[in-house]
Amino acid sequence: MRPAATAGHRGVVRQFLVKIGRDDDDRVCGTVARNGQVPAHFCGWLELLGLLEGDAEAVDTMEKGADR
């Protein structure tokens, strides 16, 4: 789990374009486009959350490397 933001904590704004629909079996499916990257496909809420969380963790890792 990520730590809570503090007064001295820098935040990063991430932009996502999420297109959500339903497939023939009534499952949630769609695409997530992140910061101009190629859209990633998902099918199900857990896959969507995994894509969003994975992007956040990647940005956090890059920020920590830049702080050293």
N, C-alpha and C. Protein backbone atom coordinates (compact mmCIF):
# COMPACT_ATOMS: atom_id res chain seq x y z
N MET A 1 0.84 -1.18 0.00
CA MET A 1 0.00 0.00 0.00
C MET A 1 0.88 1.24 0.00
N ARG A 2 0.48 2.25 -0.69
CA ARG A 2 1.25 3.48 -0.81
C ARG A 2 1.05 4.35 0.42
N PRO A 3 2.08 5.07 0.85
CA PRO A 3 1.95 5.94 2.02
C PRO A 3 1.05 7.13 1.72
N ALA A 4 0.45 7.65 2.79
CA ALA A 4 -0.42 8.82 2.64
C ALA A 4 0.42 10.04 2.28
N ALA A 5 -0.17 10.96 1.56
CA ALA A 5 0.53 12.18 1.16
C ALA A 5 0.71 13.09 2.37
N THR A 6 1.86 13.75 2.43
CA THR A 6 2.13 14.71 3.49
C THR A 6 2.34 16.06 2.85
N ALA A 7 2.50 17.07 3.69
CA ALA A 7 2.65 18.44 3.18
C ALA A 7 3.87 18.55 2.27
N GLY A 8 4.96 17.83 2.57
CA GLY A 8 6.16 17.91 1.77
C GLY A 8 6.23 16.88 0.66
N HIS A 9 5.18 16.10 0.47
CA HIS A 9 5.17 15.03 -0.52
C HIS A 9 4.82 15.59 -1.89
N ARG A 10 5.68 15.29 -2.88
CA ARG A 10 5.37 15.72 -4.24
C ARG A 10 4.43 14.71 -4.88
N GLY A 11 3.44 15.20 -5.56
CA GLY A 11 2.51 14.33 -6.25
C GLY A 11 2.71 14.40 -7.75
N VAL A 12 2.35 13.35 -8.42
CA VAL A 12 2.45 13.30 -9.88
C VAL A 12 1.05 13.07 -10.43
N VAL A 13 0.69 13.87 -11.40
CA VAL A 13 -0.61 13.71 -12.04
C VAL A 13 -0.44 12.74 -13.21
N ARG A 14 -1.25 11.71 -13.21
CA ARG A 14 -1.21 10.73 -14.29
C ARG A 14 -2.51 10.85 -15.08
N GLN A 15 -2.39 10.83 -16.38
CA GLN A 15 -3.58 10.91 -17.21
C GLN A 15 -3.82 9.58 -17.89
N PHE A 16 -5.05 9.13 -17.80
CA PHE A 16 -5.47 7.88 -18.42
C PHE A 16 -6.72 8.16 -19.25
N LEU A 17 -6.81 7.50 -20.37
CA LEU A 17 -8.04 7.50 -21.14
C LEU A 17 -8.57 6.07 -21.09
N VAL A 18 -9.68 5.88 -20.41
CA VAL A 18 -10.24 4.54 -20.22
C VAL A 18 -11.54 4.45 -21.01
N LYS A 19 -11.61 3.47 -21.90
CA LYS A 19 -12.83 3.20 -22.65
C LYS A 19 -13.39 1.88 -22.11
N ILE A 20 -14.58 1.95 -21.55
CA ILE A 20 -15.19 0.78 -20.92
C ILE A 20 -16.46 0.40 -21.65
N GLY A 21 -16.62 -0.88 -21.87
CA GLY A 21 -17.84 -1.41 -22.48
C GLY A 21 -18.12 -2.80 -21.91
N ARG A 22 -19.03 -3.50 -22.52
CA ARG A 22 -19.36 -4.87 -22.10
C ARG A 22 -19.24 -5.78 -23.31
N ASP A 23 -18.77 -7.02 -23.07
CA ASP A 23 -18.69 -7.98 -24.17
C ASP A 23 -19.99 -8.79 -24.23
N ASP A 24 -20.02 -9.80 -25.09
CA ASP A 24 -21.23 -10.61 -25.28
C ASP A 24 -21.64 -11.36 -24.02
N ASP A 25 -20.67 -11.66 -23.15
CA ASP A 25 -20.97 -12.36 -21.90
C ASP A 25 -21.22 -11.40 -20.74
N ASP A 26 -21.40 -10.10 -21.04
CA ASP A 26 -21.68 -9.05 -20.07
C ASP A 26 -20.51 -8.77 -19.13
N ARG A 27 -19.28 -9.11 -19.56
CA ARG A 27 -18.09 -8.77 -18.78
C ARG A 27 -17.62 -7.37 -19.17
N VAL A 28 -17.03 -6.67 -18.21
CA VAL A 28 -16.48 -5.35 -18.46
C VAL A 28 -15.18 -5.50 -19.24
N CYS A 29 -15.09 -4.84 -20.39
CA CYS A 29 -13.89 -4.90 -21.24
C CYS A 29 -13.63 -3.52 -21.81
N GLY A 30 -12.40 -3.29 -22.22
CA GLY A 30 -12.09 -2.02 -22.83
C GLY A 30 -10.60 -1.83 -23.00
N THR A 31 -10.19 -0.55 -23.08
CA THR A 31 -8.78 -0.20 -23.24
C THR A 31 -8.40 0.91 -22.28
N VAL A 32 -7.11 0.95 -21.95
CA VAL A 32 -6.55 2.02 -21.13
C VAL A 32 -5.38 2.60 -21.91
N ALA A 33 -5.44 3.88 -22.21
CA ALA A 33 -4.32 4.57 -22.87
C ALA A 33 -3.64 5.43 -21.82
N ARG A 34 -2.33 5.23 -21.67
CA ARG A 34 -1.57 5.92 -20.63
C ARG A 34 -0.53 6.84 -21.26
N ASN A 35 -0.65 8.14 -21.01
CA ASN A 35 0.36 9.12 -21.43
C ASN A 35 0.85 8.92 -22.85
N GLY A 36 -0.06 8.75 -23.77
CA GLY A 36 0.30 8.63 -25.17
C GLY A 36 0.84 7.28 -25.59
N GLN A 37 0.83 6.28 -24.70
CA GLN A 37 1.31 4.95 -25.05
C GLN A 37 0.24 4.20 -25.82
N VAL A 38 0.64 3.06 -26.35
CA VAL A 38 -0.30 2.20 -27.06
C VAL A 38 -1.36 1.71 -26.06
N PRO A 39 -2.63 1.76 -26.41
CA PRO A 39 -3.68 1.32 -25.47
C PRO A 39 -3.52 -0.15 -25.08
N ALA A 40 -3.71 -0.42 -23.81
CA ALA A 40 -3.67 -1.79 -23.28
C ALA A 40 -5.10 -2.29 -23.14
N HIS A 41 -5.36 -3.50 -23.56
CA HIS A 41 -6.70 -4.09 -23.47
C HIS A 41 -6.87 -4.78 -22.13
N PHE A 42 -8.09 -4.74 -21.60
CA PHE A 42 -8.41 -5.45 -20.37
C PHE A 42 -9.79 -6.08 -20.50
N CYS A 43 -10.03 -7.09 -19.70
CA CYS A 43 -11.34 -7.71 -19.63
C CYS A 43 -11.57 -8.09 -18.17
N GLY A 44 -12.38 -7.31 -17.49
CA GLY A 44 -12.68 -7.52 -16.08
C GLY A 44 -12.12 -6.38 -15.23
N TRP A 45 -12.79 -6.15 -14.10
CA TRP A 45 -12.39 -5.06 -13.21
C TRP A 45 -10.99 -5.27 -12.66
N LEU A 46 -10.63 -6.51 -12.32
CA LEU A 46 -9.31 -6.76 -11.75
C LEU A 46 -8.19 -6.47 -12.73
N GLU A 47 -8.39 -6.79 -14.00
CA GLU A 47 -7.38 -6.47 -15.01
C GLU A 47 -7.23 -4.96 -15.16
N LEU A 48 -8.35 -4.24 -15.15
CA LEU A 48 -8.29 -2.78 -15.24
C LEU A 48 -7.52 -2.21 -14.06
N LEU A 49 -7.85 -2.64 -12.85
CA LEU A 49 -7.15 -2.15 -11.67
C LEU A 49 -5.68 -2.51 -11.71
N GLY A 50 -5.35 -3.70 -12.20
CA GLY A 50 -3.96 -4.11 -12.32
C GLY A 50 -3.18 -3.21 -13.27
N LEU A 51 -3.79 -2.82 -14.39
CA LEU A 51 -3.13 -1.92 -15.33
C LEU A 51 -2.90 -0.55 -14.70
N LEU A 52 -3.90 -0.04 -14.01
CA LEU A 52 -3.76 1.27 -13.37
C LEU A 52 -2.73 1.23 -12.25
N GLU A 53 -2.75 0.19 -11.44
CA GLU A 53 -1.81 0.06 -10.34
C GLU A 53 -0.38 -0.15 -10.87
N GLY A 54 -0.24 -0.97 -11.89
CA GLY A 54 1.08 -1.21 -12.47
C GLY A 54 1.71 0.05 -12.99
N ASP A 55 0.93 0.93 -13.59
CA ASP A 55 1.45 2.20 -14.09
C ASP A 55 1.88 3.08 -12.94
N ALA A 56 1.10 3.12 -11.87
CA ALA A 56 1.44 3.94 -10.70
C ALA A 56 2.73 3.46 -10.06
N GLU A 57 2.92 2.15 -9.94
CA GLU A 57 4.13 1.59 -9.35
C GLU A 57 5.35 1.90 -10.22
N ALA A 58 5.19 1.86 -11.53
CA ALA A 58 6.30 2.16 -12.43
C ALA A 58 6.74 3.61 -12.28
N VAL A 59 5.79 4.52 -12.16
CA VAL A 59 6.11 5.95 -12.00
C VAL A 59 6.78 6.16 -10.65
N ASP A 60 6.29 5.51 -9.58
CA ASP A 60 6.90 5.64 -8.26
C ASP A 60 8.35 5.16 -8.28
N THR A 61 8.61 4.06 -8.97
CA THR A 61 9.97 3.52 -9.06
C THR A 61 10.89 4.50 -9.77
N MET A 62 10.41 5.11 -10.85
CA MET A 62 11.22 6.09 -11.58
C MET A 62 11.51 7.30 -10.72
N GLU A 63 10.51 7.77 -9.94
CA GLU A 63 10.70 8.93 -9.08
C GLU A 63 11.73 8.65 -8.00
N LYS A 64 11.68 7.47 -7.40
CA LYS A 64 12.64 7.12 -6.34
C LYS A 64 14.05 7.08 -6.90
N GLY A 65 14.21 6.58 -8.13
CA GLY A 65 15.51 6.55 -8.76
C GLY A 65 16.05 7.95 -9.03
N ALA A 66 15.15 8.88 -9.36
CA ALA A 66 15.55 10.25 -9.66
C ALA A 66 15.93 11.00 -8.37
N ASP A 67 15.37 10.58 -7.23
CA ASP A 67 15.64 11.26 -5.96
C ASP A 67 17.00 10.90 -5.39
N ARG A 68 17.61 9.84 -5.86
CA ARG A 68 18.89 9.39 -5.28
C ARG A 68 20.03 10.28 -5.65
